[in-house]
Amino acid sequence: MSRYDVNVLLYRLKKDRAFRERFRSDPAAALRGADLTDEERDAFVRWSPRRLNELGGSLHLVLSIPGMEAH
């Protein structure tokens, strides 16, 4: 996946409440159709903001997703 695609997924988590709720309840299922590397998928599923940023995710997006700070 490209840096752009990681950020598109982060943006979707920020703006799409229904997707965000699905992700919070079952991250692996919510990401099932996403074109992610194993490393990216793991960072999303474990919700590792630092790793997502290292993989190209915008720190602003990572930190601005409602309700994800405690995930």
C-alpha atoms as a PDB file:
ATOM      1  CA  MET A   1       0.000   0.000   0.000  1.00  0.00           C
ATOM      2  CA  SER A   2       1.208   3.523  -0.611  1.00  0.00           C
ATOM      3  CA  ARG A   3       1.577   6.356   1.859  1.00  0.00           C
ATOM      4  CA  TYR A   4      -1.397   7.976   0.112  1.00  0.00           C
ATOM      5  CA  ASP A   5      -3.583   4.905   0.682  1.00  0.00           C
ATOM      6  CA  VAL A   6      -2.646   4.692   4.379  1.00  0.00           C
ATOM      7  CA  ASN A   7      -3.731   8.312   4.736  1.00  0.00           C
ATOM      8  CA  VAL A   8      -6.965   7.694   2.825  1.00  0.00           C
ATOM      9  CA  LEU A   9      -7.808   4.952   5.314  1.00  0.00           C
ATOM     10  CA  LEU A  10      -6.904   7.209   8.256  1.00  0.00           C
ATOM     11  CA  TYR A  11      -9.084   9.965   6.779  1.00  0.00           C
ATOM     12  CA  ARG A  12     -11.965   7.507   6.418  1.00  0.00           C
ATOM     13  CA  LEU A  13     -11.571   6.557  10.087  1.00  0.00           C
ATOM     14  CA  LYS A  14     -11.699  10.232  10.970  1.00  0.00           C
ATOM     15  CA  LYS A  15     -14.726  11.184   8.861  1.00  0.00           C
ATOM     16  CA  ASP A  16     -16.852   8.017   8.507  1.00  0.00           C
ATOM     17  CA  ARG A  17     -18.446   7.348  11.882  1.00  0.00           C
ATOM     18  CA  ALA A  18     -20.023   4.013  10.873  1.00  0.00           C
ATOM     19  CA  PHE A  19     -16.692   2.713   9.547  1.00  0.00           C
ATOM     20  CA  ARG A  20     -14.912   3.953  12.673  1.00  0.00           C
ATOM     21  CA  GLU A  21     -17.413   2.119  14.900  1.00  0.00           C
ATOM     22  CA  ARG A  22     -16.946  -1.095  12.887  1.00  0.00           C
ATOM     23  CA  PHE A  23     -13.188  -0.655  13.170  1.00  0.00           C
ATOM     24  CA  ARG A  24     -13.343  -0.115  16.929  1.00  0.00           C
ATOM     25  CA  SER A  25     -15.460  -3.226  17.468  1.00  0.00           C
ATOM     26  CA  ASP A  26     -13.504  -5.507  15.082  1.00  0.00           C
ATOM     27  CA  PRO A  27     -10.481  -3.910  13.375  1.00  0.00           C
ATOM     28  CA  ALA A  28      -9.518  -7.011  11.402  1.00  0.00           C
ATOM     29  CA  ALA A  29     -13.007  -7.362   9.923  1.00  0.00           C
ATOM     30  CA  ALA A  30     -13.248  -3.635   9.112  1.00  0.00           C
ATOM     31  CA  LEU A  31      -9.950  -3.830   7.205  1.00  0.00           C
ATOM     32  CA  ARG A  32     -10.762  -7.107   5.428  1.00  0.00           C
ATOM     33  CA  GLY A  33     -11.011  -5.564   1.953  1.00  0.00           C
ATOM     34  CA  ALA A  34      -8.163  -3.065   2.360  1.00  0.00           C
ATOM     35  CA  ASP A  35      -5.013  -3.470   0.290  1.00  0.00           C
ATOM     36  CA  LEU A  36      -2.537  -3.403   3.197  1.00  0.00           C
ATOM     37  CA  THR A  37       0.813  -4.996   3.806  1.00  0.00           C
ATOM     38  CA  ASP A  38       1.016  -7.270   6.842  1.00  0.00           C
ATOM     39  CA  GLU A  39       2.971  -4.566   8.660  1.00  0.00           C
ATOM     40  CA  GLU A  40       0.365  -1.887   7.905  1.00  0.00           C
ATOM     41  CA  ARG A  41      -2.522  -4.168   8.839  1.00  0.00           C
ATOM     42  CA  ASP A  42      -0.841  -4.995  12.151  1.00  0.00           C
ATOM     43  CA  ALA A  43      -0.290  -1.302  12.933  1.00  0.00           C
ATOM     44  CA  PHE A  44      -3.955  -0.544  12.255  1.00  0.00           C
ATOM     45  CA  VAL A  45      -5.293  -3.564  14.152  1.00  0.00           C
ATOM     46  CA  ARG A  46      -3.094  -2.911  17.203  1.00  0.00           C
ATOM     47  CA  TRP A  47      -3.763   0.830  16.764  1.00  0.00           C
ATOM     48  CA  SER A  48      -0.154   1.897  16.950  1.00  0.00           C
ATOM     49  CA  PRO A  49      -0.094   5.634  16.135  1.00  0.00           C
ATOM     50  CA  ARG A  50       3.700   5.759  16.176  1.00  0.00           C
ATOM     51  CA  ARG A  51       3.996   2.837  13.739  1.00  0.00           C
ATOM     52  CA  LEU A  52       1.273   4.211  11.463  1.00  0.00           C
ATOM     53  CA  ASN A  53       3.196   7.480  11.326  1.00  0.00           C
ATOM     54  CA  GLU A  54       6.433   5.626  10.548  1.00  0.00           C
ATOM     55  CA  LEU A  55       4.614   3.830   7.725  1.00  0.00           C
ATOM     56  CA  GLY A  56       3.645   7.172   6.188  1.00  0.00           C
ATOM     57  CA  GLY A  57       0.438   8.045   7.997  1.00  0.00           C
ATOM     58  CA  SER A  58      -0.074  11.720   8.716  1.00  0.00           C
ATOM     59  CA  LEU A  59       0.463  12.303  12.433  1.00  0.00           C
ATOM     60  CA  HIS A  60      -2.276  14.940  12.330  1.00  0.00           C
ATOM     61  CA  LEU A  61      -4.765  12.386  10.986  1.00  0.00           C
ATOM     62  CA  VAL A  62      -3.659   9.664  13.390  1.00  0.00           C
ATOM     63  CA  LEU A  63      -4.132  11.959  16.385  1.00  0.00           C
ATOM     64  CA  SER A  64      -7.384  13.555  15.235  1.00  0.00           C
ATOM     65  CA  ILE A  65      -9.560  10.465  14.821  1.00  0.00           C
ATOM     66  CA  PRO A  66     -12.401  10.780  17.336  1.00  0.00           C
ATOM     67  CA  GLY A  67     -12.412   8.167  20.067  1.00  0.00           C
ATOM     68  CA  MET A  68      -9.264   6.403  18.929  1.00  0.00           C
ATOM     69  CA  GLU A  69      -6.902   7.784  21.556  1.00  0.00           C
ATOM     70  CA  ALA A  70      -8.021   5.053  23.994  1.00  0.00           C
ATOM     71  CA  HIS A  71      -8.371   2.260  21.444  1.00  0.00           C
END
